[in-house]
Amino acid sequence: MATPSTNRPSIHTTLVTEAETEVTRTETVTRDITRDIERILHEIRELDHLRGEETHGVTENVCIIHDELRLLSEYL
């Protein structure tokens, strides 16, 4: 009597493959989310830097106006 032979994978092989596929999908989603978060953080840092420069410029302008008003009040 001959041993039966088939080309179908065993249930164990299929289950392991599906589990590995799920892990791969999870890793891919995690990488995508991580990349998105890093991109957003980069944009926030750039905006924070630009806002800091704007604030510095406004502060300088307010100081100049303050000095000019003081000089004007002394003149009057």
N, C-alpha and C. Protein backbone atom coordinates (compact mmCIF):
# COMPACT_ATOMS: atom_id res chain seq x y z
N MET A 1 0.84 -1.17 0.00
CA MET A 1 0.00 0.00 0.00
C MET A 1 0.89 1.24 0.00
N ALA A 2 0.58 2.21 -0.85
CA ALA A 2 1.39 3.42 -1.02
C ALA A 2 0.95 4.49 -0.03
N THR A 3 1.91 5.33 0.36
CA THR A 3 1.63 6.45 1.26
C THR A 3 0.95 7.56 0.46
N PRO A 4 -0.18 8.08 0.97
CA PRO A 4 -0.85 9.16 0.23
C PRO A 4 0.04 10.40 0.16
N SER A 5 -0.02 11.07 -0.95
CA SER A 5 0.81 12.26 -1.15
C SER A 5 -0.05 13.35 -1.78
N THR A 6 0.04 14.55 -1.23
CA THR A 6 -0.67 15.70 -1.82
C THR A 6 0.25 16.90 -1.84
N ASN A 7 -0.09 17.86 -2.63
CA ASN A 7 0.69 19.09 -2.71
C ASN A 7 0.11 20.20 -1.85
N ARG A 8 -0.99 19.92 -1.16
CA ARG A 8 -1.62 20.94 -0.32
C ARG A 8 -0.80 21.12 0.96
N PRO A 9 -0.68 22.38 1.42
CA PRO A 9 0.03 22.59 2.68
C PRO A 9 -0.83 22.10 3.85
N SER A 10 -0.17 21.76 4.91
CA SER A 10 -0.89 21.30 6.09
C SER A 10 -1.61 22.48 6.73
N ILE A 11 -2.57 22.21 7.59
CA ILE A 11 -3.29 23.26 8.30
C ILE A 11 -2.30 24.07 9.13
N HIS A 12 -1.33 23.42 9.73
CA HIS A 12 -0.32 24.11 10.55
C HIS A 12 0.44 25.13 9.71
N THR A 13 0.83 24.75 8.52
CA THR A 13 1.56 25.66 7.63
C THR A 13 0.69 26.86 7.27
N THR A 14 -0.57 26.63 6.98
CA THR A 14 -1.48 27.71 6.63
C THR A 14 -1.67 28.65 7.81
N LEU A 15 -1.85 28.11 9.00
CA LEU A 15 -2.05 28.93 10.18
C LEU A 15 -0.82 29.78 10.48
N VAL A 16 0.34 29.20 10.37
CA VAL A 16 1.58 29.95 10.62
C VAL A 16 1.70 31.07 9.58
N THR A 17 1.41 30.77 8.35
CA THR A 17 1.51 31.76 7.28
C THR A 17 0.54 32.91 7.53
N GLU A 18 -0.70 32.61 7.93
CA GLU A 18 -1.66 33.66 8.21
C GLU A 18 -1.23 34.49 9.41
N ALA A 19 -0.69 33.85 10.43
CA ALA A 19 -0.20 34.58 11.59
C ALA A 19 0.97 35.48 11.20
N GLU A 20 1.87 34.96 10.40
CA GLU A 20 3.01 35.77 9.96
C GLU A 20 2.54 36.94 9.11
N THR A 21 1.52 36.70 8.27
CA THR A 21 0.97 37.76 7.43
C THR A 21 0.37 38.85 8.31
N GLU A 22 -0.34 38.47 9.36
CA GLU A 22 -0.94 39.45 10.27
C GLU A 22 0.15 40.26 10.97
N VAL A 23 1.23 39.60 11.38
CA VAL A 23 2.34 40.31 12.01
C VAL A 23 2.95 41.29 11.03
N THR A 24 3.13 40.86 9.79
CA THR A 24 3.69 41.73 8.76
C THR A 24 2.79 42.94 8.53
N ARG A 25 1.47 42.72 8.46
CA ARG A 25 0.53 43.83 8.29
C ARG A 25 0.62 44.79 9.47
N THR A 26 0.68 44.25 10.67
CA THR A 26 0.77 45.07 11.86
C THR A 26 2.06 45.89 11.86
N GLU A 27 3.17 45.26 11.48
CA GLU A 27 4.45 45.98 11.42
C GLU A 27 4.39 47.09 10.37
N THR A 28 3.76 46.81 9.24
CA THR A 28 3.64 47.81 8.18
C THR A 28 2.81 49.00 8.65
N VAL A 29 1.69 48.72 9.29
CA VAL A 29 0.83 49.79 9.80
C VAL A 29 1.59 50.59 10.85
N THR A 30 2.31 49.91 11.73
CA THR A 30 3.08 50.59 12.77
C THR A 30 4.14 51.50 12.14
N ARG A 31 4.84 51.01 11.12
CA ARG A 31 5.84 51.83 10.44
C ARG A 31 5.19 53.04 9.79
N ASP A 32 4.03 52.83 9.14
CA ASP A 32 3.33 53.94 8.49
C ASP A 32 2.91 54.99 9.52
N ILE A 33 2.36 54.54 10.63
CA ILE A 33 1.94 55.47 11.68
C ILE A 33 3.15 56.21 12.25
N THR A 34 4.22 55.49 12.50
CA THR A 34 5.44 56.11 13.03
C THR A 34 5.97 57.15 12.07
N ARG A 35 6.00 56.84 10.78
CA ARG A 35 6.47 57.79 9.77
C ARG A 35 5.57 59.03 9.74
N ASP A 36 4.25 58.83 9.81
CA ASP A 36 3.33 59.96 9.82
C ASP A 36 3.54 60.84 11.05
N ILE A 37 3.71 60.21 12.21
CA ILE A 37 3.93 60.97 13.45
C ILE A 37 5.23 61.75 13.36
N GLU A 38 6.28 61.13 12.85
CA GLU A 38 7.57 61.83 12.71
C GLU A 38 7.45 63.02 11.76
N ARG A 39 6.68 62.85 10.67
CA ARG A 39 6.49 63.95 9.72
C ARG A 39 5.72 65.09 10.38
N ILE A 40 4.67 64.76 11.12
CA ILE A 40 3.88 65.78 11.80
C ILE A 40 4.73 66.51 12.85
N LEU A 41 5.53 65.76 13.62
CA LEU A 41 6.40 66.39 14.61
C LEU A 41 7.41 67.33 13.95
N HIS A 42 7.94 66.92 12.80
CA HIS A 42 8.87 67.77 12.05
C HIS A 42 8.18 69.07 11.65
N GLU A 43 6.95 68.97 11.15
CA GLU A 43 6.22 70.17 10.75
C GLU A 43 5.93 71.06 11.95
N ILE A 44 5.58 70.45 13.08
CA ILE A 44 5.32 71.24 14.29
C ILE A 44 6.57 71.97 14.73
N ARG A 45 7.72 71.29 14.68
CA ARG A 45 8.98 71.94 15.06
C ARG A 45 9.30 73.11 14.14
N GLU A 46 9.07 72.92 12.82
CA GLU A 46 9.31 74.01 11.87
C GLU A 46 8.39 75.20 12.17
N LEU A 47 7.12 74.92 12.42
CA LEU A 47 6.18 76.00 12.74
C LEU A 47 6.56 76.70 14.04
N ASP A 48 6.99 75.92 15.02
CA ASP A 48 7.41 76.50 16.29
C ASP A 48 8.62 77.42 16.08
N HIS A 49 9.55 76.99 15.25
CA HIS A 49 10.73 77.81 14.96
C HIS A 49 10.32 79.10 14.26
N LEU A 50 9.45 78.98 13.25
CA LEU A 50 8.99 80.17 12.54
C LEU A 50 8.23 81.10 13.47
N ARG A 51 7.41 80.53 14.34
CA ARG A 51 6.64 81.35 15.28
C ARG A 51 7.59 82.07 16.23
N GLY A 52 8.65 81.39 16.64
CA GLY A 52 9.63 82.02 17.51
C GLY A 52 10.31 83.19 16.83
N GLU A 53 10.63 83.03 15.54
CA GLU A 53 11.24 84.13 14.79
C GLU A 53 10.26 85.30 14.66
N GLU A 54 8.98 84.99 14.41
CA GLU A 54 7.97 86.05 14.31
C GLU A 54 7.84 86.79 15.63
N THR A 55 7.80 86.03 16.72
CA THR A 55 7.67 86.64 18.04
C THR A 55 8.86 87.54 18.34
N HIS A 56 10.04 87.10 17.96
CA HIS A 56 11.24 87.91 18.18
C HIS A 56 11.14 89.22 17.38
N GLY A 57 10.68 89.11 16.14
CA GLY A 57 10.52 90.30 15.30
C GLY A 57 9.50 91.26 15.87
N VAL A 58 8.39 90.74 16.35
CA VAL A 58 7.35 91.59 16.94
C VAL A 58 7.89 92.26 18.19
N THR A 59 8.61 91.52 19.00
CA THR A 59 9.19 92.07 20.23
C THR A 59 10.14 93.22 19.91
N GLU A 60 10.98 93.03 18.90
CA GLU A 60 11.90 94.11 18.49
C GLU A 60 11.12 95.34 18.04
N ASN A 61 10.06 95.14 17.25
CA ASN A 61 9.26 96.27 16.77
C ASN A 61 8.57 96.99 17.92
N VAL A 62 8.05 96.25 18.89
CA VAL A 62 7.41 96.87 20.05
C VAL A 62 8.43 97.70 20.84
N CYS A 63 9.63 97.18 20.98
CA CYS A 63 10.69 97.93 21.69
C CYS A 63 11.02 99.22 20.96
N ILE A 64 11.10 99.15 19.64
CA ILE A 64 11.40 100.35 18.84
C ILE A 64 10.29 101.38 19.00
N ILE A 65 9.02 100.92 18.93
CA ILE A 65 7.89 101.83 19.09
C ILE A 65 7.89 102.43 20.49
N HIS A 66 8.19 101.60 21.48
CA HIS A 66 8.25 102.08 22.87
C HIS A 66 9.29 103.18 23.00
N ASP A 67 10.47 102.94 22.44
CA ASP A 67 11.54 103.94 22.51
C ASP A 67 11.15 105.23 21.79
N GLU A 68 10.52 105.10 20.63
CA GLU A 68 10.10 106.29 19.88
C GLU A 68 9.03 107.07 20.63
N LEU A 69 8.10 106.36 21.26
CA LEU A 69 7.08 107.04 22.06
C LEU A 69 7.68 107.75 23.28
N ARG A 70 8.67 107.13 23.89
CA ARG A 70 9.35 107.76 25.02
C ARG A 70 10.05 109.03 24.57
N LEU A 71 10.74 108.95 23.44
CA LEU A 71 11.43 110.14 22.91
C LEU A 71 10.42 111.21 22.54
N LEU A 72 9.31 110.84 21.96
CA LEU A 72 8.27 111.79 21.60
C LEU A 72 7.68 112.45 22.83
N SER A 73 7.45 111.67 23.88
CA SER A 73 6.89 112.25 25.12
C SER A 73 7.90 113.20 25.76
N GLU A 74 9.17 112.89 25.68
CA GLU A 74 10.20 113.80 26.21
C GLU A 74 10.24 115.09 25.40
N TYR A 75 10.03 114.98 24.11
CA TYR A 75 10.04 116.14 23.25
C TYR A 75 8.86 117.07 23.55
N LEU A 76 7.70 116.44 23.79
CA LEU A 76 6.51 117.25 24.06
C LEU A 76 6.57 117.78 25.45
